[in-house]
Amino acid sequence: MNILILIFVSVVMGLVPMLIYAGFLWWLDRWEKEPLHLLAAAFLWGFIPSAVIALIAQVILDTLKRLDVDYPRADAKHRRELRALRRLLVR
């Protein structure tokens, strides 16, 4: 149940600033209003790539973090593989 509250709070905190900004743009464009679906499409056009890039960065950084944690317990062969993987991911 606790995770659902955190997800809800995250969604609300992400939507509120976007709605304020969208309302400001809607007010600014008060004499020649663009259709609402075009405004929504513009926000989605920005949201989708940023969410995908954030997800990819999170996976890469989490992998690097796990490599640092597992490094001392690895034997020599696995250490070489971990170092090679880490160099590959850092580039």
C-alpha atoms as a PDB file:
ATOM      1  CA  MET A   1       0.000   0.000   0.000  1.00  0.00           C
ATOM      2  CA  ASN A   2       2.868   2.347   0.769  1.00  0.00           C
ATOM      3  CA  ILE A   3       4.226   2.066  -2.799  1.00  0.00           C
ATOM      4  CA  LEU A   4       0.828   3.062  -4.222  1.00  0.00           C
ATOM      5  CA  ILE A   5       0.886   6.251  -2.170  1.00  0.00           C
ATOM      6  CA  LEU A   6       4.382   7.049  -3.404  1.00  0.00           C
ATOM      7  CA  ILE A   7       3.346   6.457  -7.017  1.00  0.00           C
ATOM      8  CA  PHE A   8       0.274   8.652  -6.567  1.00  0.00           C
ATOM      9  CA  VAL A   9       2.326  11.453  -5.007  1.00  0.00           C
ATOM     10  CA  SER A  10       4.889  11.195  -7.822  1.00  0.00           C
ATOM     11  CA  VAL A  11       2.207  11.404 -10.490  1.00  0.00           C
ATOM     12  CA  VAL A  12       0.530  14.384  -8.810  1.00  0.00           C
ATOM     13  CA  MET A  13       3.834  16.203  -8.352  1.00  0.00           C
ATOM     14  CA  GLY A  14       4.631  15.606 -12.010  1.00  0.00           C
ATOM     15  CA  LEU A  15       1.221  16.664 -13.306  1.00  0.00           C
ATOM     16  CA  VAL A  16       0.644  19.803 -11.230  1.00  0.00           C
ATOM     17  CA  PRO A  17       3.579  21.827 -12.662  1.00  0.00           C
ATOM     18  CA  MET A  18       2.697  20.639 -16.173  1.00  0.00           C
ATOM     19  CA  LEU A  19      -0.922  21.729 -15.742  1.00  0.00           C
ATOM     20  CA  ILE A  20       0.164  25.134 -14.426  1.00  0.00           C
ATOM     21  CA  TYR A  21       2.492  25.573 -17.395  1.00  0.00           C
ATOM     22  CA  ALA A  22      -0.176  24.378 -19.852  1.00  0.00           C
ATOM     23  CA  GLY A  23      -2.697  26.775 -18.297  1.00  0.00           C
ATOM     24  CA  PHE A  24      -0.238  29.626 -18.663  1.00  0.00           C
ATOM     25  CA  LEU A  25       0.320  28.764 -22.333  1.00  0.00           C
ATOM     26  CA  TRP A  26      -3.434  28.446 -22.865  1.00  0.00           C
ATOM     27  CA  TRP A  27      -3.951  31.890 -21.275  1.00  0.00           C
ATOM     28  CA  LEU A  28      -1.063  33.403 -23.262  1.00  0.00           C
ATOM     29  CA  ASP A  29      -2.648  32.144 -26.487  1.00  0.00           C
ATOM     30  CA  ARG A  30      -6.077  33.550 -25.581  1.00  0.00           C
ATOM     31  CA  TRP A  31      -6.795  35.394 -28.851  1.00  0.00           C
ATOM     32  CA  GLU A  32      -5.800  32.669 -31.318  1.00  0.00           C
ATOM     33  CA  LYS A  33      -6.185  29.491 -29.324  1.00  0.00           C
ATOM     34  CA  GLU A  34      -4.664  26.319 -30.686  1.00  0.00           C
ATOM     35  CA  PRO A  35      -6.866  23.235 -30.418  1.00  0.00           C
ATOM     36  CA  LEU A  36      -6.535  21.475 -27.082  1.00  0.00           C
ATOM     37  CA  HIS A  37      -5.529  18.189 -28.723  1.00  0.00           C
ATOM     38  CA  LEU A  38      -2.515  19.898 -30.330  1.00  0.00           C
ATOM     39  CA  LEU A  39      -1.424  21.277 -26.962  1.00  0.00           C
ATOM     40  CA  ALA A  40      -1.764  17.794 -25.462  1.00  0.00           C
ATOM     41  CA  ALA A  41       0.216  16.310 -28.366  1.00  0.00           C
ATOM     42  CA  ALA A  42       3.025  18.826 -27.790  1.00  0.00           C
ATOM     43  CA  PHE A  43       3.270  17.861 -24.122  1.00  0.00           C
ATOM     44  CA  LEU A  44       3.231  14.152 -24.963  1.00  0.00           C
ATOM     45  CA  TRP A  45       5.897  14.734 -27.611  1.00  0.00           C
ATOM     46  CA  GLY A  46       8.138  16.074 -24.836  1.00  0.00           C
ATOM     47  CA  PHE A  47       7.080  13.603 -22.144  1.00  0.00           C
ATOM     48  CA  ILE A  48       7.591  10.331 -23.977  1.00  0.00           C
ATOM     49  CA  PRO A  49      11.237  10.839 -25.063  1.00  0.00           C
ATOM     50  CA  SER A  50      12.195  12.273 -21.669  1.00  0.00           C
ATOM     51  CA  ALA A  51      10.622   9.320 -19.847  1.00  0.00           C
ATOM     52  CA  VAL A  52      12.398   6.816 -22.119  1.00  0.00           C
ATOM     53  CA  ILE A  53      15.763   8.577 -21.692  1.00  0.00           C
ATOM     54  CA  ALA A  54      15.290   8.710 -17.903  1.00  0.00           C
ATOM     55  CA  LEU A  55      14.442   4.999 -17.823  1.00  0.00           C
ATOM     56  CA  ILE A  56      17.517   4.082 -19.861  1.00  0.00           C
ATOM     57  CA  ALA A  57      19.750   6.266 -17.659  1.00  0.00           C
ATOM     58  CA  GLN A  58      18.264   4.692 -14.519  1.00  0.00           C
ATOM     59  CA  VAL A  59      18.968   1.167 -15.780  1.00  0.00           C
ATOM     60  CA  ILE A  60      22.554   2.040 -16.744  1.00  0.00           C
ATOM     61  CA  LEU A  61      23.305   3.831 -13.471  1.00  0.00           C
ATOM     62  CA  ASP A  62      21.712   1.046 -11.430  1.00  0.00           C
ATOM     63  CA  THR A  63      23.844  -1.500 -13.285  1.00  0.00           C
ATOM     64  CA  LEU A  64      26.990   0.515 -12.560  1.00  0.00           C
ATOM     65  CA  LYS A  65      26.022   0.743  -8.907  1.00  0.00           C
ATOM     66  CA  ARG A  66      25.540  -3.014  -8.696  1.00  0.00           C
ATOM     67  CA  LEU A  67      28.900  -3.582 -10.395  1.00  0.00           C
ATOM     68  CA  ASP A  68      30.601  -1.477  -7.719  1.00  0.00           C
ATOM     69  CA  VAL A  69      28.843  -3.399  -4.942  1.00  0.00           C
ATOM     70  CA  ASP A  70      29.620  -6.850  -6.382  1.00  0.00           C
ATOM     71  CA  TYR A  71      33.200  -6.036  -7.360  1.00  0.00           C
ATOM     72  CA  PRO A  72      34.999  -6.948  -4.095  1.00  0.00           C
ATOM     73  CA  ARG A  73      33.335 -10.388  -3.895  1.00  0.00           C
ATOM     74  CA  ALA A  74      34.140 -11.414  -7.460  1.00  0.00           C
ATOM     75  CA  ASP A  75      37.004 -13.727  -8.325  1.00  0.00           C
ATOM     76  CA  ALA A  76      39.751 -12.669 -10.761  1.00  0.00           C
ATOM     77  CA  LYS A  77      37.997 -13.855 -13.946  1.00  0.00           C
ATOM     78  CA  HIS A  78      34.732 -12.172 -13.057  1.00  0.00           C
ATOM     79  CA  ARG A  79      36.561  -8.997 -12.009  1.00  0.00           C
ATOM     80  CA  ARG A  80      38.023  -8.701 -15.513  1.00  0.00           C
ATOM     81  CA  GLU A  81      34.572  -9.205 -17.030  1.00  0.00           C
ATOM     82  CA  LEU A  82      33.040  -6.659 -14.667  1.00  0.00           C
ATOM     83  CA  ARG A  83      35.758  -4.118 -15.487  1.00  0.00           C
ATOM     84  CA  ALA A  84      35.205  -4.646 -19.230  1.00  0.00           C
ATOM     85  CA  LEU A  85      31.447  -4.276 -18.841  1.00  0.00           C
ATOM     86  CA  ARG A  86      31.884  -1.181 -16.729  1.00  0.00           C
ATOM     87  CA  ARG A  87      34.205   0.408 -19.312  1.00  0.00           C
ATOM     88  CA  LEU A  88      31.661  -0.411 -22.018  1.00  0.00           C
ATOM     89  CA  LEU A  89      28.788   1.157 -20.061  1.00  0.00           C
ATOM     90  CA  VAL A  90      30.693   4.276 -19.038  1.00  0.00           C
ATOM     91  CA  ARG A  91      31.558   5.263 -22.610  1.00  0.00           C
END
